[in-house]
Amino acid sequence: MKIENQRELPCSQAEAWAALNDEAMLQACIPGCESLTREGEQLQLLVMAAVGPVRARFKGQLQMQDVVAPVSYAMRFEGQGGVAGFGKGLAQVRLSVIDEQRCLLHYSADVQIGGKLAQIGSRVVDAAAQKIIGDFFARLEQALQARQPQLPLLPAPAAPPAGLLARLWAWLRVRVGLGALPSSLDQA
């Protein structure tokens, strides 16, 4: 199965790179991720996933390769779900700058599946993969936006004193020749 797409992220390239290499961030963003730990050069993870009627806990490894910080990397992955089957493959990730506040994440993956997962059918597997990817990016974007510094709220400008407004209105009416002030402004 081949997966390929791109996604605009609401942060700089450096911020996206940091987030994609932060174990806590990844654990929070990967749907069903129960644990994610670094062991040497590998990330070990435990993920509960449902693909069609097959629901299983997958134990997996992620190995980063060809790292060109903060631009790109390849990631070899493998996961075992017992009788549910397995998934393995190679993903490519590339970040490109849009501007100081945004970047574009390009991703592609070649995935092989086996066991019950392979028997489900490609449409169901593709739909489940797209759902997982969509959920991951929704969580990632929300987490990235939460990291952005919030600008302090400025107080609303004070309204001009009523007397000043009445004098300005009177001056305009005299200059333009509109006559007397309306009764509501006379009382101000």
N, C-alpha and C. Protein backbone atom coordinates (compact mmCIF):
# COMPACT_ATOMS: atom_id res chain seq x y z
N MET A 1 0.86 -1.17 0.00
CA MET A 1 0.00 0.00 0.00
C MET A 1 0.90 1.23 0.00
N LYS A 2 0.56 2.19 -0.83
CA LYS A 2 1.33 3.44 -0.94
C LYS A 2 0.47 4.58 -0.39
N ILE A 3 1.07 5.38 0.49
CA ILE A 3 0.40 6.55 1.07
C ILE A 3 1.28 7.75 0.76
N GLU A 4 0.66 8.82 0.26
CA GLU A 4 1.43 10.02 -0.06
C GLU A 4 0.52 11.23 0.03
N ASN A 5 1.01 12.29 0.70
CA ASN A 5 0.24 13.51 0.83
C ASN A 5 1.12 14.60 1.41
N GLN A 6 0.52 15.75 1.65
CA GLN A 6 1.22 16.85 2.31
C GLN A 6 0.24 17.57 3.20
N ARG A 7 0.77 18.28 4.19
CA ARG A 7 -0.08 18.96 5.16
C ARG A 7 0.59 20.24 5.60
N GLU A 8 -0.16 21.35 5.58
CA GLU A 8 0.37 22.62 6.08
C GLU A 8 0.28 22.62 7.60
N LEU A 9 1.38 23.02 8.25
CA LEU A 9 1.42 23.07 9.70
C LEU A 9 1.52 24.53 10.16
N PRO A 10 0.86 24.87 11.28
CA PRO A 10 0.81 26.26 11.75
C PRO A 10 2.02 26.63 12.61
N CYS A 11 3.23 26.37 12.09
CA CYS A 11 4.44 26.69 12.85
C CYS A 11 5.61 26.75 11.89
N SER A 12 6.75 27.19 12.41
CA SER A 12 7.95 27.25 11.58
C SER A 12 8.49 25.84 11.33
N GLN A 13 9.39 25.74 10.39
CA GLN A 13 10.01 24.46 10.08
C GLN A 13 10.74 23.91 11.31
N ALA A 14 11.46 24.77 12.02
CA ALA A 14 12.20 24.33 13.21
C ALA A 14 11.26 23.83 14.30
N GLU A 15 10.13 24.51 14.49
CA GLU A 15 9.15 24.07 15.50
C GLU A 15 8.52 22.74 15.11
N ALA A 16 8.24 22.55 13.83
CA ALA A 16 7.67 21.28 13.37
C ALA A 16 8.68 20.15 13.57
N TRP A 17 9.94 20.42 13.24
CA TRP A 17 10.98 19.42 13.41
C TRP A 17 11.09 19.00 14.88
N ALA A 18 11.10 19.99 15.77
CA ALA A 18 11.18 19.69 17.20
C ALA A 18 9.99 18.85 17.65
N ALA A 19 8.79 19.18 17.19
CA ALA A 19 7.59 18.44 17.58
C ALA A 19 7.63 17.00 17.07
N LEU A 20 8.11 16.81 15.84
CA LEU A 20 8.15 15.46 15.26
C LEU A 20 9.25 14.59 15.86
N ASN A 21 10.11 15.20 16.67
CA ASN A 21 11.18 14.46 17.34
C ASN A 21 11.02 14.47 18.85
N ASP A 22 9.87 14.85 19.33
CA ASP A 22 9.55 14.92 20.76
C ASP A 22 8.69 13.70 21.11
N GLU A 23 9.24 12.79 21.92
CA GLU A 23 8.52 11.55 22.24
C GLU A 23 7.17 11.83 22.89
N ALA A 24 7.12 12.78 23.83
CA ALA A 24 5.84 13.08 24.51
C ALA A 24 4.81 13.61 23.52
N MET A 25 5.26 14.47 22.60
CA MET A 25 4.35 15.02 21.59
C MET A 25 3.84 13.91 20.68
N LEU A 26 4.74 13.04 20.23
CA LEU A 26 4.33 11.94 19.36
C LEU A 26 3.34 11.02 20.06
N GLN A 27 3.62 10.68 21.32
CA GLN A 27 2.71 9.80 22.05
C GLN A 27 1.33 10.43 22.17
N ALA A 28 1.28 11.74 22.40
CA ALA A 28 -0.01 12.43 22.52
C ALA A 28 -0.75 12.50 21.19
N CYS A 29 -0.02 12.52 20.09
CA CYS A 29 -0.64 12.71 18.77
C CYS A 29 -0.98 11.42 18.03
N ILE A 30 -0.27 10.34 18.32
CA ILE A 30 -0.54 9.08 17.62
C ILE A 30 -1.81 8.46 18.21
N PRO A 31 -2.86 8.28 17.42
CA PRO A 31 -4.10 7.70 17.93
C PRO A 31 -3.87 6.31 18.52
N GLY A 32 -4.38 6.10 19.72
CA GLY A 32 -4.27 4.80 20.37
C GLY A 32 -2.92 4.49 20.98
N CYS A 33 -1.98 5.45 20.96
CA CYS A 33 -0.64 5.19 21.48
C CYS A 33 -0.69 5.10 23.01
N GLU A 34 -0.33 3.93 23.52
CA GLU A 34 -0.33 3.71 24.96
C GLU A 34 1.03 3.99 25.58
N SER A 35 2.09 3.79 24.81
CA SER A 35 3.43 4.11 25.30
C SER A 35 4.35 4.35 24.12
N LEU A 36 5.36 5.19 24.35
CA LEU A 36 6.36 5.48 23.34
C LEU A 36 7.64 5.83 24.09
N THR A 37 8.68 5.03 23.91
CA THR A 37 9.94 5.26 24.60
C THR A 37 11.10 5.12 23.62
N ARG A 38 12.17 5.84 23.93
CA ARG A 38 13.38 5.76 23.11
C ARG A 38 14.30 4.72 23.72
N GLU A 39 14.78 3.83 22.88
CA GLU A 39 15.78 2.84 23.29
C GLU A 39 16.90 2.91 22.27
N GLY A 40 17.93 3.65 22.63
CA GLY A 40 19.05 3.87 21.71
C GLY A 40 18.59 4.68 20.51
N GLU A 41 18.76 4.13 19.34
CA GLU A 41 18.37 4.82 18.10
C GLU A 41 16.93 4.54 17.68
N GLN A 42 16.25 3.68 18.43
CA GLN A 42 14.89 3.29 18.06
C GLN A 42 13.87 3.86 19.02
N LEU A 43 12.66 4.03 18.50
CA LEU A 43 11.51 4.35 19.34
C LEU A 43 10.69 3.07 19.44
N GLN A 44 10.33 2.70 20.66
CA GLN A 44 9.48 1.54 20.90
C GLN A 44 8.09 2.07 21.23
N LEU A 45 7.06 1.49 20.62
CA LEU A 45 5.72 1.97 20.92
C LEU A 45 4.73 0.83 21.03
N LEU A 46 3.66 1.13 21.76
CA LEU A 46 2.55 0.21 21.92
C LEU A 46 1.30 0.98 21.54
N VAL A 47 0.59 0.48 20.52
CA VAL A 47 -0.57 1.20 19.97
C VAL A 47 -1.77 0.25 19.88
N MET A 48 -2.90 0.72 20.38
CA MET A 48 -4.16 -0.01 20.21
C MET A 48 -4.80 0.55 18.94
N ALA A 49 -5.08 -0.33 17.98
CA ALA A 49 -5.64 0.13 16.71
C ALA A 49 -6.77 -0.80 16.26
N ALA A 50 -7.71 -0.20 15.57
CA ALA A 50 -8.82 -0.96 14.98
C ALA A 50 -8.83 -0.70 13.48
N VAL A 51 -8.81 -1.77 12.73
CA VAL A 51 -8.88 -1.70 11.27
C VAL A 51 -10.03 -2.59 10.85
N GLY A 52 -11.14 -1.95 10.50
CA GLY A 52 -12.34 -2.73 10.20
C GLY A 52 -12.73 -3.53 11.43
N PRO A 53 -12.99 -4.83 11.27
CA PRO A 53 -13.39 -5.65 12.42
C PRO A 53 -12.21 -6.11 13.29
N VAL A 54 -10.99 -5.85 12.85
CA VAL A 54 -9.80 -6.30 13.58
C VAL A 54 -9.35 -5.21 14.54
N ARG A 55 -9.32 -5.57 15.83
CA ARG A 55 -8.85 -4.64 16.85
C ARG A 55 -7.74 -5.34 17.61
N ALA A 56 -6.58 -4.68 17.69
CA ALA A 56 -5.44 -5.33 18.33
C ALA A 56 -4.48 -4.29 18.91
N ARG A 57 -3.64 -4.77 19.80
CA ARG A 57 -2.58 -3.96 20.38
C ARG A 57 -1.31 -4.31 19.59
N PHE A 58 -0.75 -3.30 18.96
CA PHE A 58 0.44 -3.50 18.14
C PHE A 58 1.68 -3.01 18.89
N LYS A 59 2.67 -3.87 18.94
CA LYS A 59 3.96 -3.50 19.53
C LYS A 59 4.89 -3.24 18.37
N GLY A 60 5.50 -2.04 18.36
CA GLY A 60 6.29 -1.70 17.19
C GLY A 60 7.57 -0.95 17.49
N GLN A 61 8.35 -0.79 16.44
CA GLN A 61 9.60 -0.04 16.49
C GLN A 61 9.65 0.95 15.33
N LEU A 62 10.22 2.11 15.62
CA LEU A 62 10.48 3.12 14.59
C LEU A 62 11.98 3.40 14.59
N GLN A 63 12.59 3.39 13.43
CA GLN A 63 14.02 3.64 13.30
C GLN A 63 14.22 4.79 12.32
N MET A 64 14.79 5.92 12.81
CA MET A 64 15.05 7.08 11.94
C MET A 64 16.31 6.81 11.12
N GLN A 65 16.28 7.22 9.85
CA GLN A 65 17.41 7.05 8.94
C GLN A 65 17.55 8.29 8.07
N ASP A 66 18.74 8.47 7.52
CA ASP A 66 18.99 9.56 6.56
C ASP A 66 18.47 10.90 7.09
N VAL A 67 18.79 11.22 8.33
CA VAL A 67 18.30 12.44 8.97
C VAL A 67 19.07 13.65 8.46
N VAL A 68 18.34 14.65 7.95
CA VAL A 68 18.89 15.93 7.53
C VAL A 68 18.08 17.00 8.27
N ALA A 69 18.50 17.27 9.51
CA ALA A 69 17.76 18.22 10.36
C ALA A 69 17.87 19.64 9.81
N PRO A 70 16.85 20.44 9.84
CA PRO A 70 15.46 20.21 10.17
C PRO A 70 14.60 20.01 8.91
N VAL A 71 15.15 19.31 7.93
CA VAL A 71 14.49 19.23 6.62
C VAL A 71 13.81 17.89 6.35
N SER A 72 14.51 16.77 6.59
CA SER A 72 13.93 15.50 6.18
C SER A 72 14.51 14.32 6.95
N TYR A 73 13.81 13.22 6.89
CA TYR A 73 14.30 11.95 7.40
C TYR A 73 13.48 10.82 6.79
N ALA A 74 14.03 9.63 6.90
CA ALA A 74 13.30 8.42 6.54
C ALA A 74 13.04 7.68 7.85
N MET A 75 11.98 6.91 7.89
CA MET A 75 11.63 6.19 9.10
C MET A 75 11.20 4.77 8.73
N ARG A 76 11.99 3.81 9.18
CA ARG A 76 11.63 2.41 8.98
C ARG A 76 10.76 2.01 10.18
N PHE A 77 9.65 1.34 9.91
CA PHE A 77 8.74 0.98 10.99
C PHE A 77 8.28 -0.46 10.83
N GLU A 78 7.95 -1.05 11.98
CA GLU A 78 7.46 -2.42 12.00
C GLU A 78 6.59 -2.59 13.23
N GLY A 79 5.44 -3.23 13.07
CA GLY A 79 4.55 -3.47 14.20
C GLY A 79 3.94 -4.85 14.13
N GLN A 80 3.84 -5.51 15.28
CA GLN A 80 3.25 -6.84 15.38
C GLN A 80 2.00 -6.76 16.23
N GLY A 81 0.92 -7.33 15.73
CA GLY A 81 -0.35 -7.32 16.45
C GLY A 81 -0.84 -8.72 16.77
N GLY A 82 0.09 -9.66 16.96
CA GLY A 82 -0.31 -11.04 17.26
C GLY A 82 -1.09 -11.64 16.10
N VAL A 83 -2.23 -12.29 16.41
CA VAL A 83 -3.02 -12.95 15.37
C VAL A 83 -3.64 -11.95 14.40
N ALA A 84 -3.71 -10.66 14.81
CA ALA A 84 -4.27 -9.64 13.91
C ALA A 84 -3.38 -9.41 12.71
N GLY A 85 -2.09 -9.66 12.88
CA GLY A 85 -1.18 -9.49 11.76
C GLY A 85 -0.07 -8.50 12.05
N PHE A 86 0.52 -8.00 10.98
CA PHE A 86 1.66 -7.09 11.12
C PHE A 86 1.59 -6.00 10.07
N GLY A 87 2.35 -4.96 10.31
CA GLY A 87 2.55 -3.90 9.34
C GLY A 87 4.00 -3.48 9.39
N LYS A 88 4.58 -3.19 8.23
CA LYS A 88 5.96 -2.72 8.19
C LYS A 88 6.14 -1.89 6.94
N GLY A 89 7.18 -1.08 6.96
CA GLY A 89 7.44 -0.28 5.78
C GLY A 89 8.45 0.81 6.02
N LEU A 90 8.50 1.72 5.07
CA LEU A 90 9.43 2.85 5.10
C LEU A 90 8.67 4.11 4.75
N ALA A 91 8.83 5.12 5.59
CA ALA A 91 8.18 6.42 5.35
C ALA A 91 9.24 7.47 5.10
N GLN A 92 8.91 8.44 4.27
CA GLN A 92 9.76 9.60 4.00
C GLN A 92 9.02 10.84 4.47
N VAL A 93 9.72 11.71 5.21
CA VAL A 93 9.12 12.94 5.72
C VAL A 93 10.03 14.09 5.30
N ARG A 94 9.42 15.16 4.76
CA ARG A 94 10.18 16.35 4.35
C ARG A 94 9.40 17.59 4.76
N LEU A 95 10.11 18.54 5.36
CA LEU A 95 9.51 19.81 5.76
C LEU A 95 10.04 20.92 4.86
N SER A 96 9.15 21.74 4.33
CA SER A 96 9.59 22.89 3.54
C SER A 96 8.95 24.15 4.11
N VAL A 97 9.69 25.24 4.03
CA VAL A 97 9.25 26.51 4.60
C VAL A 97 8.22 27.16 3.69
N ILE A 98 7.12 27.62 4.27
CA ILE A 98 6.15 28.46 3.56
C ILE A 98 6.46 29.91 3.91
N ASP A 99 6.51 30.20 5.20
CA ASP A 99 6.93 31.51 5.71
C ASP A 99 7.37 31.30 7.16
N GLU A 100 7.58 32.38 7.91
CA GLU A 100 8.08 32.26 9.28
C GLU A 100 7.10 31.56 10.21
N GLN A 101 5.83 31.57 9.87
CA GLN A 101 4.79 31.03 10.75
C GLN A 101 4.21 29.69 10.28
N ARG A 102 4.60 29.24 9.08
CA ARG A 102 4.00 28.03 8.51
C ARG A 102 5.03 27.22 7.75
N CYS A 103 4.81 25.90 7.73
CA CYS A 103 5.65 25.03 6.91
C CYS A 103 4.76 23.94 6.30
N LEU A 104 5.30 23.25 5.33
CA LEU A 104 4.57 22.20 4.64
C LEU A 104 5.27 20.87 4.93
N LEU A 105 4.51 19.91 5.42
CA LEU A 105 5.04 18.58 5.69
C LEU A 105 4.60 17.66 4.55
N HIS A 106 5.58 17.14 3.83
CA HIS A 106 5.32 16.17 2.75
C HIS A 106 5.62 14.79 3.33
N TYR A 107 4.76 13.82 3.09
CA TYR A 107 5.03 12.48 3.58
C TYR A 107 4.62 11.45 2.55
N SER A 108 5.35 10.35 2.57
CA SER A 108 5.00 9.20 1.73
C SER A 108 5.43 7.95 2.49
N ALA A 109 4.75 6.86 2.23
CA ALA A 109 5.08 5.60 2.89
C ALA A 109 4.70 4.44 2.00
N ASP A 110 5.55 3.44 2.00
CA ASP A 110 5.26 2.15 1.39
C ASP A 110 5.03 1.19 2.55
N VAL A 111 3.84 0.61 2.61
CA VAL A 111 3.45 -0.22 3.75
C VAL A 111 3.09 -1.62 3.27
N GLN A 112 3.59 -2.62 3.97
CA GLN A 112 3.20 -4.00 3.71
C GLN A 112 2.46 -4.49 4.96
N ILE A 113 1.37 -5.21 4.75
CA ILE A 113 0.61 -5.77 5.86
C ILE A 113 0.43 -7.26 5.64
N GLY A 114 0.23 -7.98 6.74
CA GLY A 114 0.02 -9.42 6.65
C GLY A 114 -0.92 -9.89 7.74
N GLY A 115 -1.27 -11.14 7.71
CA GLY A 115 -2.18 -11.71 8.70
C GLY A 115 -3.61 -11.31 8.40
N LYS A 116 -4.42 -11.21 9.45
CA LYS A 116 -5.83 -10.85 9.28
C LYS A 116 -5.99 -9.49 8.61
N LEU A 117 -5.04 -8.58 8.87
CA LEU A 117 -5.12 -7.25 8.25
C LEU A 117 -5.15 -7.35 6.73
N ALA A 118 -4.34 -8.25 6.19
CA ALA A 118 -4.27 -8.40 4.74
C ALA A 118 -5.55 -9.02 4.18
N GLN A 119 -6.30 -9.73 4.99
CA GLN A 119 -7.52 -10.40 4.52
C GLN A 119 -8.73 -9.47 4.52
N ILE A 120 -8.63 -8.34 5.18
CA ILE A 120 -9.77 -7.43 5.32
C ILE A 120 -10.17 -6.80 3.98
N GLY A 121 -9.19 -6.43 3.21
CA GLY A 121 -9.47 -5.76 1.95
C GLY A 121 -8.85 -4.37 1.93
N SER A 122 -8.36 -4.00 0.78
CA SER A 122 -7.59 -2.76 0.68
C SER A 122 -8.41 -1.51 0.96
N ARG A 123 -9.69 -1.49 0.59
CA ARG A 123 -10.51 -0.29 0.84
C ARG A 123 -10.66 -0.01 2.33
N VAL A 124 -10.92 -1.06 3.09
CA VAL A 124 -11.10 -0.89 4.55
C VAL A 124 -9.77 -0.48 5.18
N VAL A 125 -8.68 -1.11 4.76
CA VAL A 125 -7.36 -0.77 5.30
C VAL A 125 -7.00 0.66 4.93
N ASP A 126 -7.22 1.06 3.67
CA ASP A 126 -6.93 2.44 3.24
C ASP A 126 -7.75 3.45 4.04
N ALA A 127 -9.03 3.16 4.24
CA ALA A 127 -9.89 4.08 5.00
C ALA A 127 -9.41 4.20 6.44
N ALA A 128 -9.02 3.09 7.06
CA ALA A 128 -8.52 3.13 8.43
C ALA A 128 -7.21 3.90 8.50
N ALA A 129 -6.33 3.70 7.52
CA ALA A 129 -5.06 4.42 7.50
C ALA A 129 -5.30 5.92 7.36
N GLN A 130 -6.20 6.33 6.48
CA GLN A 130 -6.50 7.75 6.30
C GLN A 130 -7.10 8.36 7.56
N LYS A 131 -7.93 7.60 8.27
CA LYS A 131 -8.52 8.07 9.52
C LYS A 131 -7.44 8.28 10.57
N ILE A 132 -6.54 7.33 10.71
CA ILE A 132 -5.45 7.43 11.68
C ILE A 132 -4.56 8.62 11.35
N ILE A 133 -4.22 8.79 10.07
CA ILE A 133 -3.38 9.91 9.64
C ILE A 133 -4.09 11.23 9.92
N GLY A 134 -5.37 11.32 9.58
CA GLY A 134 -6.14 12.54 9.83
C GLY A 134 -6.20 12.88 11.30
N ASP A 135 -6.44 11.87 12.15
CA ASP A 135 -6.48 12.10 13.60
C ASP A 135 -5.12 12.55 14.12
N PHE A 136 -4.04 11.94 13.61
CA PHE A 136 -2.69 12.34 14.02
C PHE A 136 -2.45 13.82 13.72
N PHE A 137 -2.75 14.23 12.49
CA PHE A 137 -2.49 15.62 12.12
C PHE A 137 -3.40 16.60 12.84
N ALA A 138 -4.63 16.23 13.11
CA ALA A 138 -5.51 17.11 13.88
C ALA A 138 -4.94 17.34 15.27
N ARG A 139 -4.46 16.27 15.91
CA ARG A 139 -3.86 16.39 17.24
C ARG A 139 -2.56 17.18 17.19
N LEU A 140 -1.75 16.93 16.16
CA LEU A 140 -0.47 17.64 16.02
C LEU A 140 -0.71 19.14 15.83
N GLU A 141 -1.62 19.49 14.94
CA GLU A 141 -1.91 20.91 14.71
C GLU A 141 -2.44 21.58 15.97
N GLN A 142 -3.30 20.90 16.71
CA GLN A 142 -3.83 21.47 17.95
C GLN A 142 -2.69 21.68 18.96
N ALA A 143 -1.80 20.71 19.08
CA ALA A 143 -0.68 20.83 20.01
C ALA A 143 0.28 21.94 19.58
N LEU A 144 0.53 22.07 18.28
CA LEU A 144 1.41 23.12 17.78
C LEU A 144 0.81 24.50 18.03
N GLN A 145 -0.49 24.64 17.82
CA GLN A 145 -1.15 25.92 18.08
C GLN A 145 -1.12 26.27 19.56
N ALA A 146 -1.23 25.26 20.41
CA ALA A 146 -1.19 25.50 21.86
C ALA A 146 0.20 25.96 22.29
N ARG A 147 1.24 25.56 21.55
CA ARG A 147 2.62 25.98 21.87
C ARG A 147 2.91 27.41 21.44
N GLN A 148 2.13 27.93 20.49
CA GLN A 148 2.37 29.28 19.99
C GLN A 148 2.11 30.29 21.10
N PRO A 149 2.98 31.29 21.24
CA PRO A 149 2.74 32.30 22.27
C PRO A 149 1.47 33.07 21.95
N GLN A 150 0.67 33.25 22.96
CA GLN A 150 -0.57 33.99 22.79
C GLN A 150 -0.29 35.47 23.01
N LEU A 151 -0.75 36.29 22.10
CA LEU A 151 -0.58 37.73 22.26
C LEU A 151 -1.51 38.22 23.37
N PRO A 152 -1.00 39.13 24.20
CA PRO A 152 -1.87 39.63 25.27
C PRO A 152 -3.03 40.42 24.68
N LEU A 153 -4.17 40.31 25.32
CA LEU A 153 -5.33 41.06 24.87
C LEU A 153 -5.15 42.51 25.28
N LEU A 154 -5.31 43.40 24.34
CA LEU A 154 -5.20 44.83 24.62
C LEU A 154 -6.55 45.34 25.07
N PRO A 155 -6.55 46.26 26.02
CA PRO A 155 -7.84 46.81 26.44
C PRO A 155 -8.49 47.57 25.29
N ALA A 156 -9.80 47.56 25.27
CA ALA A 156 -10.54 48.29 24.24
C ALA A 156 -10.30 49.78 24.45
N PRO A 157 -10.19 50.53 23.36
CA PRO A 157 -9.99 51.97 23.53
C PRO A 157 -11.18 52.57 24.26
N ALA A 158 -10.87 53.51 25.12
CA ALA A 158 -11.93 54.17 25.90
C ALA A 158 -12.79 55.02 24.98
N ALA A 159 -14.08 55.03 25.24
CA ALA A 159 -15.00 55.87 24.46
C ALA A 159 -14.75 57.33 24.83
N PRO A 160 -14.85 58.22 23.87
CA PRO A 160 -14.65 59.63 24.19
C PRO A 160 -15.73 60.10 25.16
N PRO A 161 -15.39 61.03 26.02
CA PRO A 161 -16.40 61.53 26.95
C PRO A 161 -17.59 62.09 26.18
N ALA A 162 -18.79 61.91 26.76
CA ALA A 162 -20.02 62.35 26.09
C ALA A 162 -19.98 63.83 25.77
N GLY A 163 -19.41 64.65 26.64
CA GLY A 163 -19.33 66.08 26.39
C GLY A 163 -18.51 66.39 25.15
N LEU A 164 -17.41 65.66 24.98
CA LEU A 164 -16.55 65.86 23.81
C LEU A 164 -17.29 65.48 22.54
N LEU A 165 -18.00 64.37 22.56
CA LEU A 165 -18.77 63.93 21.40
C LEU A 165 -19.85 64.97 21.04
N ALA A 166 -20.51 65.51 22.05
CA ALA A 166 -21.56 66.51 21.81
C ALA A 166 -20.96 67.77 21.19
N ARG A 167 -19.79 68.20 21.70
CA ARG A 167 -19.16 69.42 21.15
C ARG A 167 -18.72 69.19 19.71
N LEU A 168 -18.17 68.00 19.43
CA LEU A 168 -17.75 67.69 18.06
C LEU A 168 -18.95 67.66 17.13
N TRP A 169 -20.04 67.04 17.55
CA TRP A 169 -21.26 66.98 16.74
C TRP A 169 -21.79 68.38 16.47
N ALA A 170 -21.79 69.23 17.49
CA ALA A 170 -22.28 70.61 17.33
C ALA A 170 -21.42 71.37 16.34
N TRP A 171 -20.11 71.22 16.46
CA TRP A 171 -19.20 71.93 15.56
C TRP A 171 -19.44 71.49 14.12
N LEU A 172 -19.59 70.15 13.89
CA LEU A 172 -19.83 69.65 12.54
C LEU A 172 -21.15 70.18 11.98
N ARG A 173 -22.18 70.22 12.78
CA ARG A 173 -23.49 70.68 12.31
C ARG A 173 -23.43 72.16 11.93
N VAL A 174 -22.71 72.96 12.70
CA VAL A 174 -22.60 74.39 12.39
C VAL A 174 -21.80 74.57 11.11
N ARG A 175 -20.69 73.86 10.97
CA ARG A 175 -19.83 74.00 9.79
C ARG A 175 -20.54 73.53 8.52
N VAL A 176 -21.32 72.48 8.64
CA VAL A 176 -21.99 71.92 7.48
C VAL A 176 -23.34 72.61 7.27
N GLY A 177 -23.81 73.29 8.27
CA GLY A 177 -25.06 74.02 8.16
C GLY A 177 -26.28 73.16 8.37
N LEU A 178 -26.19 72.19 9.26
CA LEU A 178 -27.32 71.31 9.49
C LEU A 178 -28.23 71.81 10.60
N GLY A 179 -27.86 72.84 11.27
CA GLY A 179 -28.76 73.42 12.28
C GLY A 179 -28.45 72.96 13.68
N ALA A 180 -29.48 72.92 14.50
CA ALA A 180 -29.33 72.66 15.93
C ALA A 180 -29.01 71.20 16.20
N LEU A 181 -28.53 70.94 17.40
CA LEU A 181 -28.21 69.58 17.84
C LEU A 181 -29.48 68.78 18.07
N PRO A 182 -29.44 67.50 17.83
CA PRO A 182 -30.58 66.67 18.21
C PRO A 182 -30.73 66.69 19.73
N SER A 183 -31.94 66.52 20.21
CA SER A 183 -32.22 66.64 21.63
C SER A 183 -31.41 65.66 22.47
N SER A 184 -31.08 64.49 21.94
CA SER A 184 -30.31 63.51 22.72
C SER A 184 -28.91 64.02 23.00
N LEU A 185 -28.33 64.81 22.11
CA LEU A 185 -26.99 65.35 22.34
C LEU A 185 -27.04 66.64 23.14
N ASP A 186 -28.15 67.35 23.12
CA ASP A 186 -28.27 68.58 23.92
C ASP A 186 -28.16 68.25 25.40
N GLN A 187 -28.58 67.08 25.78
CA GLN A 187 -28.61 66.74 27.20
C GLN A 187 -27.26 66.24 27.68
N ALA A 188 -26.33 65.97 26.80
CA ALA A 188 -25.03 65.43 27.19
C ALA A 188 -24.14 66.44 27.85
